[in-house]
Amino acid sequence: QDRGHTLRDELRVLLVHGVLHLCGYDHETDEADAAEMAAAETKLMRRLHWKGNGLIVSAGAVDGDGDVDGDDGDGYGGD
């Protein structure tokens, strides 16, 4: 409940994250892949009508739009 949701909701977030890894997504290769996987997490969570945005967004690696956190879109990581 530290994250503002139940154990059931946390398990759902972890399930979606794990399934996406099994489908070939990898958020640790580069920022574009992280953004792509975050967007897939959010889309799947919403499609299933489950609470939360996904593990990557919750961890702060990307924002809720699937953009890499701190990136202003110029290709230089927000610098």
C-alpha atoms as a PDB file:
ATOM      1  CA  GLN A   1       0.000   0.000   0.000  1.00  0.00           C
ATOM      2  CA  ASP A   2       3.059   2.244   0.016  1.00  0.00           C
ATOM      3  CA  ARG A   3       2.490   2.717  -3.734  1.00  0.00           C
ATOM      4  CA  GLY A   4      -1.150   3.656  -3.229  1.00  0.00           C
ATOM      5  CA  HIS A   5      -2.691   0.385  -4.384  1.00  0.00           C
ATOM      6  CA  THR A   6      -3.455  -3.098  -3.112  1.00  0.00           C
ATOM      7  CA  LEU A   7      -1.336  -6.230  -3.239  1.00  0.00           C
ATOM      8  CA  ARG A   8      -3.642  -7.513  -5.993  1.00  0.00           C
ATOM      9  CA  ASP A   9      -2.946  -4.398  -8.077  1.00  0.00           C
ATOM     10  CA  GLU A  10       0.814  -4.738  -7.502  1.00  0.00           C
ATOM     11  CA  LEU A  11       0.731  -8.358  -8.642  1.00  0.00           C
ATOM     12  CA  ARG A  12      -1.142  -7.310 -11.765  1.00  0.00           C
ATOM     13  CA  VAL A  13       1.513  -4.688 -12.544  1.00  0.00           C
ATOM     14  CA  LEU A  14       4.254  -7.297 -12.109  1.00  0.00           C
ATOM     15  CA  LEU A  15       2.338  -9.821 -14.223  1.00  0.00           C
ATOM     16  CA  VAL A  16       1.965  -7.391 -17.118  1.00  0.00           C
ATOM     17  CA  HIS A  17       5.633  -6.417 -16.872  1.00  0.00           C
ATOM     18  CA  GLY A  18       6.738 -10.060 -16.889  1.00  0.00           C
ATOM     19  CA  VAL A  19       4.465 -11.039 -19.776  1.00  0.00           C
ATOM     20  CA  LEU A  20       5.852  -8.182 -21.870  1.00  0.00           C
ATOM     21  CA  HIS A  21       9.387  -9.435 -21.175  1.00  0.00           C
ATOM     22  CA  LEU A  22       8.291 -12.901 -22.324  1.00  0.00           C
ATOM     23  CA  CYS A  23       6.941 -11.265 -25.498  1.00  0.00           C
ATOM     24  CA  GLY A  24      10.383  -9.811 -26.224  1.00  0.00           C
ATOM     25  CA  TYR A  25      10.178  -6.314 -24.728  1.00  0.00           C
ATOM     26  CA  ASP A  26      13.276  -5.081 -22.879  1.00  0.00           C
ATOM     27  CA  HIS A  27      13.420  -1.757 -21.064  1.00  0.00           C
ATOM     28  CA  GLU A  28      17.106  -2.043 -20.188  1.00  0.00           C
ATOM     29  CA  THR A  29      18.595  -1.905 -23.690  1.00  0.00           C
ATOM     30  CA  ASP A  30      18.037   1.793 -24.423  1.00  0.00           C
ATOM     31  CA  GLU A  31      15.680   4.702 -23.780  1.00  0.00           C
ATOM     32  CA  ALA A  32      13.559   4.074 -26.871  1.00  0.00           C
ATOM     33  CA  ASP A  33      12.937   0.474 -25.819  1.00  0.00           C
ATOM     34  CA  ALA A  34      12.095   1.617 -22.279  1.00  0.00           C
ATOM     35  CA  ALA A  35       9.566   4.100 -23.655  1.00  0.00           C
ATOM     36  CA  GLU A  36       8.084   1.450 -25.961  1.00  0.00           C
ATOM     37  CA  MET A  37       7.699  -1.073 -23.143  1.00  0.00           C
ATOM     38  CA  ALA A  38       6.240   1.542 -20.788  1.00  0.00           C
ATOM     39  CA  ALA A  39       3.643   2.466 -23.388  1.00  0.00           C
ATOM     40  CA  ALA A  40       2.797  -1.227 -23.871  1.00  0.00           C
ATOM     41  CA  GLU A  41       2.426  -1.669 -20.099  1.00  0.00           C
ATOM     42  CA  THR A  42       0.097   1.300 -19.822  1.00  0.00           C
ATOM     43  CA  LYS A  43      -1.956   0.212 -22.833  1.00  0.00           C
ATOM     44  CA  LEU A  44      -2.346  -3.340 -21.551  1.00  0.00           C
ATOM     45  CA  MET A  45      -3.208  -2.204 -18.016  1.00  0.00           C
ATOM     46  CA  ARG A  46      -5.905   0.101 -19.374  1.00  0.00           C
ATOM     47  CA  ARG A  47      -7.252  -2.511 -21.797  1.00  0.00           C
ATOM     48  CA  LEU A  48      -7.657  -4.950 -18.896  1.00  0.00           C
ATOM     49  CA  HIS A  49      -9.255  -2.174 -16.779  1.00  0.00           C
ATOM     50  CA  TRP A  50      -6.592  -2.655 -14.109  1.00  0.00           C
ATOM     51  CA  LYS A  51      -5.296   0.144 -11.886  1.00  0.00           C
ATOM     52  CA  GLY A  52      -1.845   1.575 -12.453  1.00  0.00           C
ATOM     53  CA  ASN A  53       0.352   2.591 -15.365  1.00  0.00           C
ATOM     54  CA  GLY A  54       2.902  -0.187 -15.223  1.00  0.00           C
ATOM     55  CA  LEU A  55       6.164  -0.840 -13.462  1.00  0.00           C
ATOM     56  CA  ILE A  56       8.390   1.337 -15.647  1.00  0.00           C
ATOM     57  CA  VAL A  57       6.262   4.465 -15.193  1.00  0.00           C
ATOM     58  CA  SER A  58       5.874   3.724 -11.470  1.00  0.00           C
ATOM     59  CA  ALA A  59       9.654   3.463 -11.144  1.00  0.00           C
ATOM     60  CA  GLY A  60      10.030   6.881 -12.759  1.00  0.00           C
ATOM     61  CA  ALA A  61      12.073   5.716 -15.758  1.00  0.00           C
ATOM     62  CA  VAL A  62       9.561   7.267 -18.158  1.00  0.00           C
ATOM     63  CA  ASP A  63       6.607   9.570 -17.742  1.00  0.00           C
ATOM     64  CA  GLY A  64       2.958   8.615 -18.112  1.00  0.00           C
ATOM     65  CA  ASP A  65       3.032   9.357 -21.843  1.00  0.00           C
ATOM     66  CA  GLY A  66       5.762   6.797 -22.464  1.00  0.00           C
ATOM     67  CA  ASP A  67       8.416   9.495 -22.900  1.00  0.00           C
ATOM     68  CA  VAL A  68      11.788   9.003 -21.256  1.00  0.00           C
ATOM     69  CA  ASP A  69      11.776  11.032 -18.046  1.00  0.00           C
ATOM     70  CA  GLY A  70      13.638  14.285 -18.535  1.00  0.00           C
ATOM     71  CA  ASP A  71      13.712  13.979 -22.318  1.00  0.00           C
ATOM     72  CA  ASP A  72      12.507  17.100 -24.108  1.00  0.00           C
ATOM     73  CA  GLY A  73      12.383  15.322 -27.454  1.00  0.00           C
ATOM     74  CA  ASP A  74      15.525  16.847 -28.962  1.00  0.00           C
ATOM     75  CA  GLY A  75      17.439  13.556 -28.914  1.00  0.00           C
ATOM     76  CA  TYR A  76      19.848  14.686 -26.197  1.00  0.00           C
ATOM     77  CA  GLY A  77      18.067  13.239 -23.137  1.00  0.00           C
ATOM     78  CA  GLY A  78      16.751  16.578 -21.901  1.00  0.00           C
ATOM     79  CA  ASP A  79      20.156  18.286 -21.577  1.00  0.00           C
END
